[in-house]
Amino acid sequence: MRRASTLTSSLLSRALFTTTTTTSTSNALLLHPKLLHAAFHATPAASNATANGSKGFGYRAASLGIAGAFSSLAAASLVDEVHAKEPPPPQLIPEEVVLYQYEACPFCNKVKAFLDYYDIPYKVVEVNPLSKKEIKWSDYKKVPILVVDGEQLVDSSAIIDKMETKLHPEKNVGSDPIEDEERKWRSYTEKLTVKYAGAAAMYFVSKKLKKKYSITDERAALYDAANTWVEALDGREFLGGSRPNLADLAVFGVLRPIRYLSAGKDMVLHTRIGEWYDRMEKAVGESARIKVITIRIADVQLFLSKKV
C-alpha cells in the first residue's frame, strides 16, 4: 500500500528507506514556518493565475511540489502492501464529519481521498491562512483537522489511522510489526512532503531549497517521480492489486488538485501515469463532500419583493 516514486529513481527510494530516522534527521527536514504557511496558502485558482501570469513559477512550483509529494510517499511504499478495506457497514459510518482545510494542502487532499473512497460524507470548512479564525477553538493550529462526531483528529496520517480503526474495529492496530514499521515511515515521509511542497509554494525561496536538496530540473523530477510510481505498480491495476490501497489513495489525493492544471496535463502527456490515474478516478468515484448552499436573507427579500 505504499510504493510511490522518488525524485530520481527507485534506487533513491531504497536509499531513503535505509536512512536512520534520528531526531536530528527529523529536525533537519523541518521548514521555516513562513515557508510552510506559504505552501498551504495556495489554492487551485491561485495556481491557475500564477501559471498564466508566470510560466516559470507555475510549472516549476507544481512540478516540484508533486515530485516532492511522490518522493515522500515512496519510502512508505517500500514496506508491506496493506489493502484499503472494502466500504464498512453503514452503522460504522460517523454521523458528522467536518474537515478544516486549505484547498491545495497535500495533507488535506490525502484525507479527502480516503473519505471519498469510503463514501464518508463530510463537510469542509476552508481556513483563512492568515487569521485562522475558523480553528481558533482548537489548540492545534495546523491543517488538516478532522472533527468526527465531536472528536478532534489531527495530522493526516494519524487521521487516516484513526478513521480506519473506527471503520474496522476488528483490526488490532499496532499488533503487526510490519505495520508498525510502515507507520514510522509514514510519519517520517510527512516531513519530506513538507520540504518539497513548501518549496513549491514560494518559487524564489525554492531556488535555494532546490540547490540545497540537489534538485536541478523540476520537469525531470516530476516525470521521473511519475514513472517510478508506474514501475512500482509492476503491471497491476493498482499498487494494492485489483483495488486501491492506502498508498494509491495517498498519491491520488496529492495529484488530484493539479491533474487538470498545466503541470498535471504535462505530466500525463509525458509519462505513463495517466491510465492509473483514470482508474483511480473511477475507483474513488464522486466526492463525498457535502455541498453547502448559502442563501442570503437580503437576496430572498429582494426576490420576494419583485414577485409581489
Protein backbone atom coordinates (compact mmCIF):
# COMPACT_ATOMS: atom_id res chain seq x y z
CA MET A 1 0.00 0.00 0.00
CA ARG A 2 2.78 2.35 -0.12
CA ARG A 3 5.07 2.29 -3.07
CA ALA A 4 5.21 5.77 -4.59
CA SER A 5 8.05 7.31 -6.53
CA THR A 6 11.23 9.07 -5.66
CA LEU A 7 12.62 12.21 -7.23
CA THR A 8 15.14 10.40 -9.35
CA SER A 9 14.84 6.63 -9.20
CA SER A 10 13.79 3.60 -7.25
CA LEU A 11 17.40 3.41 -6.12
CA LEU A 12 16.92 6.69 -4.31
CA SER A 13 13.77 5.31 -2.71
CA ARG A 14 15.74 2.42 -1.31
CA ALA A 15 18.46 4.75 -0.15
CA LEU A 16 15.85 6.77 1.71
CA PHE A 17 14.38 3.62 3.15
CA THR A 18 17.66 2.67 4.80
CA THR A 19 18.21 6.09 6.32
CA THR A 20 18.13 6.19 10.13
CA THR A 21 15.34 8.48 11.31
CA THR A 22 17.10 10.11 14.23
CA THR A 23 15.89 13.21 15.98
CA SER A 24 18.50 15.32 14.23
CA THR A 25 17.39 13.99 10.85
CA SER A 26 13.77 14.83 11.57
CA ASN A 27 14.66 18.33 12.68
CA ALA A 28 16.74 18.89 9.58
CA LEU A 29 13.68 18.25 7.41
CA LEU A 30 11.50 20.85 9.08
CA LEU A 31 10.95 24.12 7.25
CA HIS A 32 10.69 27.68 8.40
CA PRO A 33 7.05 28.35 9.48
CA LYS A 34 6.63 31.10 6.87
CA LEU A 35 7.59 28.67 4.12
CA LEU A 36 5.14 26.09 5.36
CA HIS A 37 2.46 28.76 5.62
CA ALA A 38 3.08 29.78 2.03
CA ALA A 39 2.84 26.19 0.88
CA PHE A 40 -0.61 25.82 2.28
CA HIS A 41 -1.84 29.27 1.28
CA ALA A 42 -2.01 28.38 -2.42
CA THR A 43 -5.32 27.39 -3.99
CA PRO A 44 -6.14 25.87 -7.39
CA ALA A 45 -7.44 29.25 -8.51
CA ALA A 46 -4.24 30.91 -7.42
CA SER A 47 -2.26 28.22 -9.17
CA ASN A 48 -4.10 28.91 -12.41
CA ALA A 49 -3.49 32.61 -12.09
CA THR A 50 0.15 32.01 -11.31
CA ALA A 51 0.58 29.67 -14.24
CA ASN A 52 -0.96 32.19 -16.60
CA GLY A 53 0.95 35.13 -15.18
CA SER A 54 4.33 33.49 -14.68
CA LYS A 55 5.03 30.37 -16.69
CA GLY A 56 8.22 29.60 -14.83
CA PHE A 57 6.67 29.82 -11.40
CA GLY A 58 3.51 27.90 -12.24
CA TYR A 59 5.18 24.90 -13.81
CA ARG A 60 8.17 24.73 -11.53
CA ALA A 61 6.14 25.14 -8.37
CA ALA A 62 3.61 22.47 -9.29
CA SER A 63 6.28 20.12 -10.58
CA LEU A 64 8.46 20.48 -7.52
CA GLY A 65 5.55 20.12 -5.14
CA ILE A 66 4.17 16.98 -6.74
CA ALA A 67 7.58 15.42 -7.22
CA GLY A 68 8.24 16.04 -3.55
CA ALA A 69 4.94 14.51 -2.55
CA PHE A 70 5.72 11.47 -4.69
CA SER A 71 9.10 11.27 -3.01
CA SER A 72 7.60 11.34 0.44
CA LEU A 73 5.15 8.59 -0.36
CA ALA A 74 7.83 6.47 -1.98
CA ALA A 75 9.68 5.43 1.13
CA ALA A 76 6.49 4.35 2.86
CA SER A 77 5.55 2.27 -0.16
CA LEU A 78 8.64 0.11 0.17
CA VAL A 79 7.24 -1.62 3.22
CA ASP A 80 4.37 -4.13 3.01
CA GLU A 81 1.26 -3.79 0.87
CA VAL A 82 -1.79 -3.50 3.12
CA HIS A 83 -5.06 -3.17 1.26
CA ALA A 84 -7.52 -0.42 1.89
CA LYS A 85 -10.65 -2.15 3.15
CA GLU A 86 -14.00 -2.51 1.46
CA PRO A 87 -16.66 0.09 2.37
CA PRO A 88 -17.65 -0.50 6.01
CA PRO A 89 -21.16 -1.33 7.25
CA PRO A 90 -23.47 1.71 7.42
CA GLN A 91 -23.63 1.55 11.22
CA LEU A 92 -19.91 2.28 11.38
CA ILE A 93 -20.12 5.43 9.28
CA PRO A 94 -19.80 8.54 11.50
CA GLU A 95 -22.85 10.77 11.78
CA GLU A 96 -20.98 14.04 11.32
CA VAL A 97 -17.54 14.66 9.82
CA VAL A 98 -16.09 18.14 9.36
CA LEU A 99 -12.75 18.79 7.66
CA TYR A 100 -10.90 22.04 8.38
CA GLN A 101 -8.52 22.54 5.48
CA TYR A 102 -6.62 24.58 2.91
CA GLU A 103 -7.87 23.51 -0.51
CA ALA A 104 -4.45 22.86 -2.05
CA CYS A 105 -2.79 21.38 1.03
CA PRO A 106 -1.38 17.93 0.07
CA PHE A 107 -2.08 16.54 3.53
CA CYS A 108 -5.71 17.70 3.39
CA ASN A 109 -6.11 16.09 -0.02
CA LYS A 110 -4.79 12.78 1.32
CA VAL A 111 -7.58 12.82 3.91
CA LYS A 112 -10.21 13.77 1.32
CA ALA A 113 -9.17 10.92 -0.96
CA PHE A 114 -9.63 8.50 1.94
CA LEU A 115 -13.06 9.90 2.83
CA ASP A 116 -14.19 9.90 -0.79
CA TYR A 117 -13.09 6.31 -1.37
CA TYR A 118 -15.04 5.12 1.66
CA ASP A 119 -18.06 7.31 0.80
CA ILE A 120 -17.97 9.04 4.17
CA PRO A 121 -19.99 12.28 3.89
CA TYR A 122 -18.05 15.26 5.17
CA LYS A 123 -18.39 19.00 5.41
CA VAL A 124 -15.50 21.31 4.58
CA VAL A 125 -14.50 24.49 6.37
CA GLU A 126 -11.90 26.48 4.45
CA VAL A 127 -9.45 28.00 6.90
CA ASN A 128 -8.14 31.51 6.39
CA PRO A 129 -4.35 31.02 6.36
CA LEU A 130 -3.74 34.46 7.84
CA SER A 131 -6.23 34.79 10.67
CA LYS A 132 -7.04 31.08 11.11
CA LYS A 133 -10.20 32.26 12.83
CA GLU A 134 -12.02 29.10 11.75
CA ILE A 135 -9.82 26.99 14.03
CA LYS A 136 -9.41 29.39 16.95
CA TRP A 137 -11.41 26.94 19.01
CA SER A 138 -8.60 24.39 18.66
CA ASP A 139 -5.24 24.33 20.39
CA TYR A 140 -3.88 22.71 17.21
CA LYS A 141 -3.18 25.41 14.63
CA LYS A 142 -2.38 23.37 11.52
CA VAL A 143 -4.50 21.66 8.90
CA PRO A 144 -5.99 19.22 8.33
CA ILE A 145 -8.20 18.97 11.40
CA LEU A 146 -10.98 16.41 11.15
CA VAL A 147 -13.83 16.51 13.65
CA VAL A 148 -15.64 13.18 13.77
CA ASP A 149 -18.83 13.14 15.84
CA GLY A 150 -17.33 15.83 18.06
CA GLU A 151 -13.88 14.24 18.37
CA GLN A 152 -10.94 16.25 17.04
CA LEU A 153 -8.37 14.36 14.96
CA VAL A 154 -5.15 15.95 13.71
CA ASP A 155 -2.22 15.07 11.41
CA SER A 156 -3.16 13.44 8.10
CA SER A 157 -1.54 10.06 8.76
CA ALA A 158 -2.91 9.89 12.29
CA ILE A 159 -6.35 10.88 10.99
CA ILE A 160 -6.33 8.06 8.43
CA ASP A 161 -5.11 5.56 11.03
CA LYS A 162 -7.84 6.62 13.47
CA MET A 163 -10.55 6.56 10.83
CA GLU A 164 -9.53 3.11 9.68
CA THR A 165 -9.72 1.92 13.29
CA LYS A 166 -13.21 3.41 13.62
CA LEU A 167 -14.35 1.82 10.38
CA HIS A 168 -12.70 -1.52 11.11
CA PRO A 169 -12.80 -2.05 14.89
CA GLU A 170 -11.92 -5.71 14.42
CA LYS A 171 -8.42 -4.69 13.37
CA ASN A 172 -5.91 -4.76 16.22
CA VAL A 173 -3.85 -1.70 15.34
CA GLY A 174 -0.22 -1.92 16.38
CA SER A 175 -0.06 -5.69 16.69
CA ASP A 176 1.76 -6.22 13.40
CA PRO A 177 5.48 -5.30 13.42
CA ILE A 178 5.35 -4.68 9.66
CA GLU A 179 2.53 -2.19 10.08
CA ASP A 180 4.38 -0.57 12.98
CA GLU A 181 7.35 -0.03 10.68
CA GLU A 182 5.08 1.29 7.96
CA ARG A 183 3.57 3.85 10.33
CA LYS A 184 7.04 5.06 11.27
CA TRP A 185 7.82 5.62 7.60
CA ARG A 186 4.57 7.45 7.05
CA SER A 187 5.47 9.84 9.85
CA TYR A 188 8.99 10.33 8.52
CA THR A 189 7.91 10.92 4.96
CA GLU A 190 5.38 13.56 6.02
CA LYS A 191 8.41 15.76 6.69
CA LEU A 192 9.70 15.16 3.18
CA THR A 193 6.36 16.26 1.78
CA VAL A 194 6.56 19.47 3.79
CA LYS A 195 10.05 20.13 2.46
CA TYR A 196 9.11 19.93 -1.21
CA ALA A 197 5.55 21.26 -1.03
CA GLY A 198 6.85 24.27 0.86
CA ALA A 199 9.48 24.92 -1.75
CA ALA A 200 6.88 24.69 -4.49
CA ALA A 201 4.75 27.41 -2.97
CA MET A 202 7.49 30.03 -2.97
CA TYR A 203 9.43 29.98 -6.19
CA PHE A 204 12.15 32.40 -5.18
CA VAL A 205 12.76 30.59 -1.93
CA SER A 206 12.55 27.23 -3.68
CA LYS A 207 15.59 28.14 -5.78
CA LYS A 208 17.66 27.98 -2.63
CA LEU A 209 15.98 24.82 -1.42
CA LYS A 210 16.38 23.11 -4.78
CA LYS A 211 20.10 23.80 -4.61
CA LYS A 212 20.24 22.58 -1.03
CA TYR A 213 18.49 19.32 -1.88
CA SER A 214 20.16 18.85 -5.28
CA ILE A 215 17.01 19.32 -7.37
CA THR A 216 18.19 20.77 -10.68
CA ASP A 217 15.35 20.02 -13.09
CA GLU A 218 11.72 20.22 -11.95
CA ARG A 219 10.45 18.71 -15.19
CA ALA A 220 12.76 15.70 -14.90
CA ALA A 221 11.92 15.30 -11.21
CA LEU A 222 8.20 15.26 -11.93
CA TYR A 223 8.45 12.87 -14.87
CA ASP A 224 10.79 10.52 -13.05
CA ALA A 225 8.57 10.53 -9.97
CA ALA A 226 5.52 9.59 -12.05
CA ASN A 227 7.35 6.89 -13.99
CA THR A 228 8.84 5.39 -10.84
CA TRP A 229 5.34 5.13 -9.41
CA VAL A 230 4.15 3.34 -12.54
CA GLU A 231 7.12 0.98 -12.29
CA ALA A 232 6.12 0.25 -8.71
CA LEU A 233 2.71 -0.89 -9.98
CA ASP A 234 4.55 -3.67 -11.84
CA GLY A 235 1.70 -4.26 -14.28
CA ARG A 236 -1.03 -4.23 -11.63
CA GLU A 237 -4.10 -2.05 -11.90
CA PHE A 238 -3.28 -0.54 -8.52
CA LEU A 239 -0.46 -0.88 -6.06
CA GLY A 240 -2.98 -2.77 -3.95
CA GLY A 241 -3.64 -5.19 -6.79
CA SER A 242 -7.22 -5.36 -8.02
CA ARG A 243 -8.31 -2.42 -5.87
CA PRO A 244 -6.61 0.68 -4.45
CA ASN A 245 -4.73 0.51 -1.19
CA LEU A 246 -3.80 3.41 1.05
CA ALA A 247 -0.70 4.24 -0.96
CA ASP A 248 -2.80 4.52 -4.12
CA LEU A 249 -5.19 6.81 -2.27
CA ALA A 250 -2.37 8.95 -0.90
CA VAL A 251 -0.72 9.51 -4.28
CA PHE A 252 -4.10 10.11 -5.92
CA GLY A 253 -5.00 12.63 -3.23
CA VAL A 254 -1.79 14.57 -3.81
CA LEU A 255 -2.23 14.56 -7.59
CA ARG A 256 -5.91 15.39 -7.80
CA PRO A 257 -5.68 19.17 -7.23
CA ILE A 258 -3.20 19.65 -10.09
CA ARG A 259 -4.31 16.95 -12.53
CA TYR A 260 -6.05 19.38 -14.89
CA LEU A 261 -3.65 22.28 -14.41
CA SER A 262 -0.82 22.75 -16.90
CA ALA A 263 1.71 20.77 -14.85
CA GLY A 264 -0.68 17.85 -14.36
CA LYS A 265 -1.60 17.71 -18.04
CA ASP A 266 2.06 17.83 -18.98
CA MET A 267 2.88 15.02 -16.59
CA VAL A 268 0.17 12.77 -18.02
CA LEU A 269 1.26 13.60 -21.57
CA HIS A 270 4.91 12.71 -21.00
CA THR A 271 4.66 9.80 -18.56
CA ARG A 272 2.74 6.56 -18.19
CA ILE A 273 0.77 7.56 -15.12
CA GLY A 274 -2.42 8.63 -16.92
CA GLU A 275 -4.02 5.18 -17.12
CA TRP A 276 -3.50 4.55 -13.42
CA TYR A 277 -4.93 7.98 -12.60
CA ASP A 278 -8.02 7.31 -14.72
CA ARG A 279 -8.56 4.01 -12.90
CA MET A 280 -8.22 5.78 -9.58
CA GLU A 281 -10.77 8.41 -10.57
CA LYS A 282 -13.26 5.65 -11.31
CA ALA A 283 -12.42 3.70 -8.17
CA VAL A 284 -12.68 6.69 -5.84
CA GLY A 285 -15.78 7.98 -7.60
CA GLU A 286 -17.62 11.17 -6.82
CA SER A 287 -16.61 13.27 -3.87
CA ALA A 288 -18.44 12.52 -0.63
CA ARG A 289 -18.17 16.19 0.30
CA ILE A 290 -21.46 17.68 1.42
CA LYS A 291 -22.36 20.67 -0.71
CA VAL A 292 -23.42 23.66 1.35
CA ILE A 293 -25.69 26.21 -0.31
CA THR A 294 -25.65 29.65 1.28
CA ILE A 295 -28.76 31.78 0.83
CA ARG A 296 -28.62 35.38 1.97
CA ILE A 297 -31.76 36.75 3.62
CA ALA A 298 -31.37 40.00 1.67
CA ASP A 299 -31.48 38.11 -1.62
CA VAL A 300 -34.63 36.27 -0.59
CA GLN A 301 -36.31 39.50 0.46
CA LEU A 302 -35.37 41.16 -2.83
CA PHE A 303 -36.72 38.18 -4.79
CA LEU A 304 -40.00 38.20 -2.86
CA SER A 305 -40.42 41.96 -3.23
CA LYS A 306 -40.09 41.65 -7.00
CA LYS A 307 -42.67 38.86 -7.07
CA VAL A 308 -45.12 40.93 -5.04
